[in-house]
Amino acid sequence: MTRLPSDVYEVDFIHDHRLRAGKVPLYLVRWRGFSAQHDTWELAASFDDQSLVAAYQATKSPKVQAQLEKAEQLGRKHASRHHALDKSGGDVEGNSG
């Protein structure tokens, strides 16, 4: 077994999702070696291995898959905009648009 850095946790499985603020998908993760009380909601960008998200999405209906993919695209666009504002010294926290 590959040894992971101490601040990296291994995903056992993703078992649910929700759309935060109706736009950004969050995935409910069960961590390997931990019980359900330690499950956490994570952004897709949090995963080092994006195939975990793809495998979870593949278990869903085509309609749900399309919703998640659209939300992921919006989330990436939103994150990209905030990153650009942050680098330019823009007011990331106060920007609502």
PDB file of N, CA and C in Angstrom:
ATOM      1  N   MET A   1       0.841  -1.184   0.000  1.00  0.00           N
ATOM      2  CA  MET A   1       0.000   0.000   0.000  1.00  0.00           C
ATOM      3  C   MET A   1       0.886   1.247   0.000  1.00  0.00           C
ATOM      4  N   THR A   2       0.509   2.210  -0.801  1.00  0.00           N
ATOM      5  CA  THR A   2       1.253   3.463  -0.885  1.00  0.00           C
ATOM      6  C   THR A   2       1.028   4.281   0.375  1.00  0.00           C
ATOM      7  N   ARG A   3       2.089   4.812   0.913  1.00  0.00           N
ATOM      8  CA  ARG A   3       1.981   5.648   2.111  1.00  0.00           C
ATOM      9  C   ARG A   3       1.622   7.072   1.692  1.00  0.00           C
ATOM     10  N   LEU A   4       0.567   7.600   2.281  1.00  0.00           N
ATOM     11  CA  LEU A   4       0.102   8.947   1.967  1.00  0.00           C
ATOM     12  C   LEU A   4       0.684   9.946   2.958  1.00  0.00           C
ATOM     13  N   PRO A   5       0.868  11.200   2.522  1.00  0.00           N
ATOM     14  CA  PRO A   5       1.302  12.227   3.478  1.00  0.00           C
ATOM     15  C   PRO A   5       0.307  12.296   4.631  1.00  0.00           C
ATOM     16  N   SER A   6       0.756  12.724   5.793  1.00  0.00           N
ATOM     17  CA  SER A   6      -0.092  12.698   6.992  1.00  0.00           C
ATOM     18  C   SER A   6      -1.319  13.596   6.898  1.00  0.00           C
ATOM     19  N   ASP A   7      -1.312  14.598   6.016  1.00  0.00           N
ATOM     20  CA  ASP A   7      -2.477  15.475   5.902  1.00  0.00           C
ATOM     21  C   ASP A   7      -3.409  15.070   4.753  1.00  0.00           C
ATOM     22  N   VAL A   8      -3.179  13.899   4.153  1.00  0.00           N
ATOM     23  CA  VAL A   8      -4.022  13.390   3.074  1.00  0.00           C
ATOM     24  C   VAL A   8      -4.758  12.160   3.584  1.00  0.00           C
ATOM     25  N   TYR A   9      -6.082  12.155   3.374  1.00  0.00           N
ATOM     26  CA  TYR A   9      -6.902  11.032   3.808  1.00  0.00           C
ATOM     27  C   TYR A   9      -7.418  10.298   2.589  1.00  0.00           C
ATOM     28  N   GLU A  10      -7.564   8.994   2.724  1.00  0.00           N
ATOM     29  CA  GLU A  10      -8.014   8.170   1.613  1.00  0.00           C
ATOM     30  C   GLU A  10      -9.533   8.028   1.636  1.00  0.00           C
ATOM     31  N   VAL A  11     -10.140   8.229   0.470  1.00  0.00           N
ATOM     32  CA  VAL A  11     -11.589   8.102   0.332  1.00  0.00           C
ATOM     33  C   VAL A  11     -11.955   6.626   0.283  1.00  0.00           C
ATOM     34  N   ASP A  12     -12.951   6.250   1.088  1.00  0.00           N
ATOM     35  CA  ASP A  12     -13.496   4.904   0.995  1.00  0.00           C
ATOM     36  C   ASP A  12     -14.533   4.897  -0.121  1.00  0.00           C
ATOM     37  N   PHE A  13     -15.498   5.825  -0.042  1.00  0.00           N
ATOM     38  CA  PHE A  13     -16.475   5.984  -1.118  1.00  0.00           C
ATOM     39  C   PHE A  13     -17.224   7.301  -0.958  1.00  0.00           C
ATOM     40  N   ILE A  14     -17.842   7.725  -2.042  1.00  0.00           N
ATOM     41  CA  ILE A  14     -18.740   8.883  -2.045  1.00  0.00           C
ATOM     42  C   ILE A  14     -20.143   8.308  -2.021  1.00  0.00           C
ATOM     43  N   HIS A  15     -20.973   8.775  -1.085  1.00  0.00           N
ATOM     44  CA  HIS A  15     -22.299   8.160  -1.004  1.00  0.00           C
ATOM     45  C   HIS A  15     -23.472   9.107  -1.125  1.00  0.00           C
ATOM     46  N   ASP A  16     -23.218  10.385  -1.379  1.00  0.00           N
ATOM     47  CA  ASP A  16     -24.330  11.304  -1.598  1.00  0.00           C
ATOM     48  C   ASP A  16     -23.778  12.595  -2.192  1.00  0.00           C
ATOM     49  N   HIS A  17     -24.679  13.444  -2.635  1.00  0.00           N
ATOM     50  CA  HIS A  17     -24.287  14.762  -3.136  1.00  0.00           C
ATOM     51  C   HIS A  17     -25.407  15.748  -2.839  1.00  0.00           C
ATOM     52  N   ARG A  18     -25.056  17.018  -2.891  1.00  0.00           N
ATOM     53  CA  ARG A  18     -26.044  18.094  -2.782  1.00  0.00           C
ATOM     54  C   ARG A  18     -25.474  19.294  -3.526  1.00  0.00           C
ATOM     55  N   LEU A  19     -26.363  20.204  -3.898  1.00  0.00           N
ATOM     56  CA  LEU A  19     -25.914  21.412  -4.582  1.00  0.00           C
ATOM     57  C   LEU A  19     -25.946  22.562  -3.598  1.00  0.00           C
ATOM     58  N   ARG A  20     -24.784  23.107  -3.292  1.00  0.00           N
ATOM     59  CA  ARG A  20     -24.663  24.228  -2.360  1.00  0.00           C
ATOM     60  C   ARG A  20     -25.107  25.500  -3.067  1.00  0.00           C
ATOM     61  N   ALA A  21     -25.998  26.205  -2.452  1.00  0.00           N
ATOM     62  CA  ALA A  21     -26.546  27.445  -3.015  1.00  0.00           C
ATOM     63  C   ALA A  21     -27.116  27.194  -4.405  1.00  0.00           C
ATOM     64  N   GLY A  22     -27.546  25.947  -4.632  1.00  0.00           N
ATOM     65  CA  GLY A  22     -28.153  25.598  -5.902  1.00  0.00           C
ATOM     66  C   GLY A  22     -27.197  25.520  -7.071  1.00  0.00           C
ATOM     67  N   LYS A  23     -25.893  25.664  -6.824  1.00  0.00           N
ATOM     68  CA  LYS A  23     -24.956  25.718  -7.944  1.00  0.00           C
ATOM     69  C   LYS A  23     -23.770  24.775  -7.818  1.00  0.00           C
ATOM     70  N   VAL A  24     -23.094  24.806  -6.703  1.00  0.00           N
ATOM     71  CA  VAL A  24     -21.839  24.072  -6.570  1.00  0.00           C
ATOM     72  C   VAL A  24     -22.085  22.712  -5.921  1.00  0.00           C
ATOM     73  N   PRO A  25     -21.731  21.616  -6.620  1.00  0.00           N
ATOM     74  CA  PRO A  25     -21.966  20.303  -6.018  1.00  0.00           C
ATOM     75  C   PRO A  25     -20.968  19.986  -4.902  1.00  0.00           C
ATOM     76  N   LEU A  26     -21.503  19.414  -3.854  1.00  0.00           N
ATOM     77  CA  LEU A  26     -20.700  18.889  -2.752  1.00  0.00           C
ATOM     78  C   LEU A  26     -20.960  17.392  -2.686  1.00  0.00           C
ATOM     79  N   TYR A  27     -19.934  16.636  -2.342  1.00  0.00           N
ATOM     80  CA  TYR A  27     -20.039  15.183  -2.283  1.00  0.00           C
ATOM     81  C   TYR A  27     -19.790  14.717  -0.855  1.00  0.00           C
ATOM     82  N   LEU A  28     -20.659  13.823  -0.377  1.00  0.00           N
ATOM     83  CA  LEU A  28     -20.525  13.295   0.979  1.00  0.00           C
ATOM     84  C   LEU A  28     -19.573  12.106   0.945  1.00  0.00           C
ATOM     85  N   VAL A  29     -18.463  12.245   1.651  1.00  0.00           N
ATOM     86  CA  VAL A  29     -17.365  11.284   1.593  1.00  0.00           C
ATOM     87  C   VAL A  29     -17.274  10.465   2.868  1.00  0.00           C
ATOM     88  N   ARG A  30     -17.127   9.158   2.686  1.00  0.00           N
ATOM     89  CA  ARG A  30     -16.768   8.263   3.792  1.00  0.00           C
ATOM     90  C   ARG A  30     -15.267   8.033   3.662  1.00  0.00           C
ATOM     91  N   TRP A  31     -14.546   8.345   4.712  1.00  0.00           N
ATOM     92  CA  TRP A  31     -13.091   8.227   4.714  1.00  0.00           C
ATOM     93  C   TRP A  31     -12.675   6.831   5.150  1.00  0.00           C
ATOM     94  N   ARG A  32     -11.714   6.280   4.467  1.00  0.00           N
ATOM     95  CA  ARG A  32     -11.225   4.934   4.781  1.00  0.00           C
ATOM     96  C   ARG A  32     -10.689   4.906   6.209  1.00  0.00           C
ATOM     97  N   GLY A  33     -11.187   3.930   6.971  1.00  0.00           N
ATOM     98  CA  GLY A  33     -10.745   3.769   8.349  1.00  0.00           C
ATOM     99  C   GLY A  33     -11.523   4.601   9.355  1.00  0.00           C
ATOM    100  N   PHE A  34     -12.526   5.354   8.885  1.00  0.00           N
ATOM    101  CA  PHE A  34     -13.332   6.196   9.769  1.00  0.00           C
ATOM    102  C   PHE A  34     -14.802   5.805   9.673  1.00  0.00           C
ATOM    103  N   SER A  35     -15.553   6.116  10.714  1.00  0.00           N
ATOM    104  CA  SER A  35     -16.984   5.800  10.746  1.00  0.00           C
ATOM    105  C   SER A  35     -17.800   6.915  10.099  1.00  0.00           C
ATOM    106  N   ALA A  36     -19.107   6.677   9.989  1.00  0.00           N
ATOM    107  CA  ALA A  36     -20.025   7.639   9.365  1.00  0.00           C
ATOM    108  C   ALA A  36     -20.019   8.991  10.072  1.00  0.00           C
ATOM    109  N   GLN A  37     -19.744   9.015  11.357  1.00  0.00           N
ATOM    110  CA  GLN A  37     -19.748  10.299  12.074  1.00  0.00           C
ATOM    111  C   GLN A  37     -18.631  11.223  11.594  1.00  0.00           C
ATOM    112  N   HIS A  38     -17.670  10.690  10.855  1.00  0.00           N
ATOM    113  CA  HIS A  38     -16.573  11.499  10.320  1.00  0.00           C
ATOM    114  C   HIS A  38     -16.762  11.846   8.845  1.00  0.00           C
ATOM    115  N   ASP A  39     -17.911  11.480   8.264  1.00  0.00           N
ATOM    116  CA  ASP A  39     -18.184  11.833   6.870  1.00  0.00           C
ATOM    117  C   ASP A  39     -18.176  13.350   6.728  1.00  0.00           C
ATOM    118  N   THR A  40     -17.701  13.831   5.590  1.00  0.00           N
ATOM    119  CA  THR A  40     -17.674  15.275   5.348  1.00  0.00           C
ATOM    120  C   THR A  40     -18.147  15.582   3.930  1.00  0.00           C
ATOM    121  N   TRP A  41     -18.665  16.798   3.758  1.00  0.00           N
ATOM    122  CA  TRP A  41     -19.059  17.293   2.440  1.00  0.00           C
ATOM    123  C   TRP A  41     -17.839  17.954   1.812  1.00  0.00           C
ATOM    124  N   GLU A  42     -17.511  17.537   0.586  1.00  0.00           N
ATOM    125  CA  GLU A  42     -16.313  18.035  -0.093  1.00  0.00           C
ATOM    126  C   GLU A  42     -16.635  18.520  -1.505  1.00  0.00           C
ATOM    127  N   LEU A  43     -15.931  19.551  -1.943  1.00  0.00           N
ATOM    128  CA  LEU A  43     -15.999  19.998  -3.334  1.00  0.00           C
ATOM    129  C   LEU A  43     -15.253  19.002  -4.214  1.00  0.00           C
ATOM    130  N   ALA A  44     -15.655  18.883  -5.463  1.00  0.00           N
ATOM    131  CA  ALA A  44     -14.969  17.975  -6.387  1.00  0.00           C
ATOM    132  C   ALA A  44     -13.486  18.329  -6.500  1.00  0.00           C
ATOM    133  N   ALA A  45     -13.175  19.609  -6.442  1.00  0.00           N
ATOM    134  CA  ALA A  45     -11.782  20.057  -6.560  1.00  0.00           C
ATOM    135  C   ALA A  45     -10.910  19.566  -5.404  1.00  0.00           C
ATOM    136  N   SER A  46     -11.535  19.108  -4.318  1.00  0.00           N
ATOM    137  CA  SER A  46     -10.788  18.626  -3.156  1.00  0.00           C
ATOM    138  C   SER A  46     -10.153  17.257  -3.386  1.00  0.00           C
ATOM    139  N   PHE A  47     -10.635  16.543  -4.405  1.00  0.00           N
ATOM    140  CA  PHE A  47     -10.162  15.183  -4.641  1.00  0.00           C
ATOM    141  C   PHE A  47      -8.912  15.179  -5.501  1.00  0.00           C
ATOM    142  N   ASP A  48      -7.873  14.492  -5.039  1.00  0.00           N
ATOM    143  CA  ASP A  48      -6.675  14.319  -5.854  1.00  0.00           C
ATOM    144  C   ASP A  48      -6.973  13.421  -7.047  1.00  0.00           C
ATOM    145  N   ASP A  49      -7.882  12.469  -6.860  1.00  0.00           N
ATOM    146  CA  ASP A  49      -8.247  11.512  -7.904  1.00  0.00           C
ATOM    147  C   ASP A  49      -9.669  11.810  -8.374  1.00  0.00           C
ATOM    148  N   GLN A  50      -9.790  12.512  -9.489  1.00  0.00           N
ATOM    149  CA  GLN A  50     -11.101  12.907 -10.000  1.00  0.00           C
ATOM    150  C   GLN A  50     -11.927  11.721 -10.486  1.00  0.00           C
ATOM    151  N   SER A  51     -11.299  10.557 -10.665  1.00  0.00           N
ATOM    152  CA  SER A  51     -12.060   9.380 -11.098  1.00  0.00           C
ATOM    153  C   SER A  51     -13.053   8.945 -10.020  1.00  0.00           C
ATOM    154  N   LEU A  52     -12.811   9.325  -8.766  1.00  0.00           N
ATOM    155  CA  LEU A  52     -13.757   9.010  -7.688  1.00  0.00           C
ATOM    156  C   LEU A  52     -15.083   9.731  -7.913  1.00  0.00           C
ATOM    157  N   VAL A  53     -15.006  10.996  -8.311  1.00  0.00           N
ATOM    158  CA  VAL A  53     -16.207  11.784  -8.592  1.00  0.00           C
ATOM    159  C   VAL A  53     -16.900  11.220  -9.832  1.00  0.00           C
ATOM    160  N   ALA A  54     -16.120  10.918 -10.863  1.00  0.00           N
ATOM    161  CA  ALA A  54     -16.685  10.369 -12.102  1.00  0.00           C
ATOM    162  C   ALA A  54     -17.379   9.032 -11.843  1.00  0.00           C
ATOM    163  N   ALA A  55     -16.779   8.185 -11.014  1.00  0.00           N
ATOM    164  CA  ALA A  55     -17.384   6.885 -10.695  1.00  0.00           C
ATOM    165  C   ALA A  55     -18.695   7.069  -9.939  1.00  0.00           C
ATOM    166  N   TYR A  56     -18.727   8.021  -9.013  1.00  0.00           N
ATOM    167  CA  TYR A  56     -19.965   8.299  -8.283  1.00  0.00           C
ATOM    168  C   TYR A  56     -21.032   8.799  -9.250  1.00  0.00           C
ATOM    169  N   GLN A  57     -20.671   9.757 -10.098  1.00  0.00           N
ATOM    170  CA  GLN A  57     -21.635  10.317 -11.044  1.00  0.00           C
ATOM    171  C   GLN A  57     -22.180   9.249 -11.984  1.00  0.00           C
ATOM    172  N   ALA A  58     -21.357   8.281 -12.350  1.00  0.00           N
ATOM    173  CA  ALA A  58     -21.778   7.215 -13.267  1.00  0.00           C
ATOM    174  C   ALA A  58     -22.874   6.334 -12.673  1.00  0.00           C
ATOM    175  N   THR A  59     -23.020   6.356 -11.349  1.00  0.00           N
ATOM    176  CA  THR A  59     -24.068   5.549 -10.704  1.00  0.00           C
ATOM    177  C   THR A  59     -25.412   6.260 -10.716  1.00  0.00           C
ATOM    178  N   LYS A  60     -25.439   7.494 -11.168  1.00  0.00           N
ATOM    179  CA  LYS A  60     -26.658   8.306 -11.143  1.00  0.00           C
ATOM    180  C   LYS A  60     -27.353   8.281 -12.500  1.00  0.00           C
ATOM    181  N   SER A  61     -28.608   8.696 -12.513  1.00  0.00           N
ATOM    182  CA  SER A  61     -29.382   8.748 -13.756  1.00  0.00           C
ATOM    183  C   SER A  61     -28.753   9.774 -14.701  1.00  0.00           C
ATOM    184  N   PRO A  62     -29.009   9.641 -16.003  1.00  0.00           N
ATOM    185  CA  PRO A  62     -28.471  10.627 -16.948  1.00  0.00           C
ATOM    186  C   PRO A  62     -28.880  12.061 -16.602  1.00  0.00           C
ATOM    187  N   LYS A  63     -30.095  12.240 -16.104  1.00  0.00           N
ATOM    188  CA  LYS A  63     -30.564  13.579 -15.735  1.00  0.00           C
ATOM    189  C   LYS A  63     -29.708  14.153 -14.597  1.00  0.00           C
ATOM    190  N   VAL A  64     -29.465  13.353 -13.567  1.00  0.00           N
ATOM    191  CA  VAL A  64     -28.654  13.803 -12.427  1.00  0.00           C
ATOM    192  C   VAL A  64     -27.209  14.026 -12.873  1.00  0.00           C
ATOM    193  N   GLN A  65     -26.693  13.136 -13.721  1.00  0.00           N
ATOM    194  CA  GLN A  65     -25.336  13.310 -14.237  1.00  0.00           C
ATOM    195  C   GLN A  65     -25.197  14.657 -14.944  1.00  0.00           C
ATOM    196  N   ALA A  66     -26.188  15.001 -15.770  1.00  0.00           N
ATOM    197  CA  ALA A  66     -26.152  16.274 -16.499  1.00  0.00           C
ATOM    198  C   ALA A  66     -26.204  17.457 -15.534  1.00  0.00           C
ATOM    199  N   GLN A  67     -27.041  17.358 -14.492  1.00  0.00           N
ATOM    200  CA  GLN A  67     -27.133  18.434 -13.497  1.00  0.00           C
ATOM    201  C   GLN A  67     -25.800  18.626 -12.779  1.00  0.00           C
ATOM    202  N   LEU A  68     -25.179  17.511 -12.395  1.00  0.00           N
ATOM    203  CA  LEU A  68     -23.902  17.593 -11.682  1.00  0.00           C
ATOM    204  C   LEU A  68     -22.810  18.172 -12.578  1.00  0.00           C
ATOM    205  N   GLU A  69     -22.765  17.729 -13.831  1.00  0.00           N
ATOM    206  CA  GLU A  69     -21.745  18.237 -14.746  1.00  0.00           C
ATOM    207  C   GLU A  69     -21.926  19.737 -14.988  1.00  0.00           C
ATOM    208  N   LYS A  70     -23.164  20.169 -15.178  1.00  0.00           N
ATOM    209  CA  LYS A  70     -23.435  21.596 -15.378  1.00  0.00           C
ATOM    210  C   LYS A  70     -23.011  22.389 -14.140  1.00  0.00           C
ATOM    211  N   ALA A  71     -23.344  21.874 -12.963  1.00  0.00           N
ATOM    212  CA  ALA A  71     -22.979  22.545 -11.713  1.00  0.00           C
ATOM    213  C   ALA A  71     -21.465  22.584 -11.541  1.00  0.00           C
ATOM    214  N   GLU A  72     -20.775  21.497 -11.925  1.00  0.00           N
ATOM    215  CA  GLU A  72     -19.305  21.469 -11.841  1.00  0.00           C
ATOM    216  C   GLU A  72     -18.710  22.553 -12.731  1.00  0.00           C
ATOM    217  N   GLN A  73     -19.242  22.699 -13.942  1.00  0.00           N
ATOM    218  CA  GLN A  73     -18.736  23.717 -14.863  1.00  0.00           C
ATOM    219  C   GLN A  73     -18.945  25.115 -14.296  1.00  0.00           C
ATOM    220  N   LEU A  74     -20.123  25.363 -13.737  1.00  0.00           N
ATOM    221  CA  LEU A  74     -20.390  26.662 -13.116  1.00  0.00           C
ATOM    222  C   LEU A  74     -19.462  26.896 -11.930  1.00  0.00           C
ATOM    223  N   GLY A  75     -19.244  25.856 -11.143  1.00  0.00           N
ATOM    224  CA  GLY A  75     -18.360  25.955  -9.983  1.00  0.00           C
ATOM    225  C   GLY A  75     -16.930  26.262 -10.380  1.00  0.00           C
ATOM    226  N   ARG A  76     -16.456  25.608 -11.462  1.00  0.00           N
ATOM    227  CA  ARG A  76     -15.089  25.871 -11.939  1.00  0.00           C
ATOM    228  C   ARG A  76     -14.967  27.306 -12.445  1.00  0.00           C
ATOM    229  N   LYS A  77     -15.992  27.776 -13.158  1.00  0.00           N
ATOM    230  CA  LYS A  77     -15.988  29.142 -13.677  1.00  0.00           C
ATOM    231  C   LYS A  77     -15.953  30.139 -12.520  1.00  0.00           C
ATOM    232  N   HIS A  78     -16.762  29.883 -11.497  1.00  0.00           N
ATOM    233  CA  HIS A  78     -16.834  30.743 -10.316  1.00  0.00           C
ATOM    234  C   HIS A  78     -15.492  30.754  -9.578  1.00  0.00           C
ATOM    235  N   ALA A  79     -14.903  29.577  -9.383  1.00  0.00           N
ATOM    236  CA  ALA A  79     -13.620  29.470  -8.678  1.00  0.00           C
ATOM    237  C   ALA A  79     -12.523  30.179  -9.461  1.00  0.00           C
ATOM    238  N   SER A  80     -12.544  30.050 -10.767  1.00  0.00           N
ATOM    239  CA  SER A  80     -11.561  30.691 -11.623  1.00  0.00           C
ATOM    240  C   SER A  80     -11.646  32.207 -11.498  1.00  0.00           C
ATOM    241  N   ARG A  81     -12.856  32.723 -11.463  1.00  0.00           N
ATOM    242  CA  ARG A  81     -13.068  34.171 -11.346  1.00  0.00           C
ATOM    243  C   ARG A  81     -12.539  34.677 -10.006  1.00  0.00           C
ATOM    244  N   HIS A  82     -12.836  33.949  -8.933  1.00  0.00           N
ATOM    245  CA  HIS A  82     -12.353  34.359  -7.612  1.00  0.00           C
ATOM    246  C   HIS A  82     -10.839  34.290  -7.533  1.00  0.00           C
ATOM    247  N   HIS A  83     -10.249  33.278  -8.156  1.00  0.00           N
ATOM    248  CA  HIS A  83      -8.795  33.147  -8.159  1.00  0.00           C
ATOM    249  C   HIS A  83      -8.172  34.340  -8.895  1.00  0.00           C
ATOM    250  N   ALA A  84      -8.764  34.717 -10.025  1.00  0.00           N
ATOM    251  CA  ALA A  84      -8.252  35.856 -10.793  1.00  0.00           C
ATOM    252  C   ALA A  84      -8.381  37.149  -9.990  1.00  0.00           C
ATOM    253  N   LEU A  85      -9.506  37.337  -9.315  1.00  0.00           N
ATOM    254  CA  LEU A  85      -9.691  38.534  -8.490  1.00  0.00           C
ATOM    255  C   LEU A  85      -8.692  38.567  -7.343  1.00  0.00           C
ATOM    256  N   ASP A  86      -8.476  37.409  -6.737  1.00  0.00           N
ATOM    257  CA  ASP A  86      -7.548  37.316  -5.620  1.00  0.00           C
ATOM    258  C   ASP A  86      -6.134  37.694  -6.064  1.00  0.00           C
ATOM    259  N   LYS A  87      -5.714  37.192  -7.225  1.00  0.00           N
ATOM    260  CA  LYS A  87      -4.374  37.483  -7.729  1.00  0.00           C
ATOM    261  C   LYS A  87      -4.217  38.949  -8.106  1.00  0.00           C
ATOM    262  N   SER A  88      -5.328  39.573  -8.548  1.00  0.00           N
ATOM    263  CA  SER A  88      -5.243  40.970  -8.969  1.00  0.00           C
ATOM    264  C   SER A  88      -5.432  41.936  -7.808  1.00  0.00           C
ATOM    265  N   GLY A  89      -5.681  41.388  -6.617  1.00  0.00           N
ATOM    266  CA  GLY A  89      -5.870  42.247  -5.455  1.00  0.00           C
ATOM    267  C   GLY A  89      -7.291  42.725  -5.303  1.00  0.00           C
ATOM    268  N   GLY A  90      -8.214  42.124  -6.080  1.00  0.00           N
ATOM    269  CA  GLY A  90      -9.622  42.503  -5.993  1.00  0.00           C
ATOM    270  C   GLY A  90     -10.230  42.070  -4.680  1.00  0.00           C
ATOM    271  N   ASP A  91     -11.373  42.613  -4.375  1.00  0.00           N
ATOM    272  CA  ASP A  91     -12.073  42.301  -3.129  1.00  0.00           C
ATOM    273  C   ASP A  91     -12.874  41.019  -3.300  1.00  0.00           C
ATOM    274  N   VAL A  92     -12.259  39.881  -3.055  1.00  0.00           N
ATOM    275  CA  VAL A  92     -12.905  38.590  -3.246  1.00  0.00           C
ATOM    276  C   VAL A  92     -14.051  38.406  -2.271  1.00  0.00           C
ATOM    277  N   GLU A  93     -13.855  38.707  -1.018  1.00  0.00           N
ATOM    278  CA  GLU A  93     -14.878  38.481   0.002  1.00  0.00           C
ATOM    279  C   GLU A  93     -16.113  39.335  -0.231  1.00  0.00           C
ATOM    280  N   GLY A  94     -15.924  40.575  -0.631  1.00  0.00           N
ATOM    281  CA  GLY A  94     -17.048  41.486  -0.767  1.00  0.00           C
ATOM    282  C   GLY A  94     -17.725  41.441  -2.117  1.00  0.00           C
ATOM    283  N   ASN A  95     -17.192  40.681  -3.054  1.00  0.00           N
ATOM    284  CA  ASN A  95     -17.749  40.637  -4.395  1.00  0.00           C
ATOM    285  C   ASN A  95     -18.890  39.647  -4.447  1.00  0.00           C
ATOM    286  N   SER A  96     -20.098  40.116  -4.747  1.00  0.00           N
ATOM    287  CA  SER A  96     -21.239  39.212  -4.787  1.00  0.00           C
ATOM    288  C   SER A  96     -21.640  38.883  -6.211  1.00  0.00           C
ATOM    289  N   GLY A  97     -21.002  39.388  -7.198  1.00  0.00           N
ATOM    290  CA  GLY A  97     -21.434  39.171  -8.571  1.00  0.00           C
ATOM    291  C   GLY A  97     -20.517  38.346  -9.289  1.00  0.00           C
TER     292      GLY A  97
END
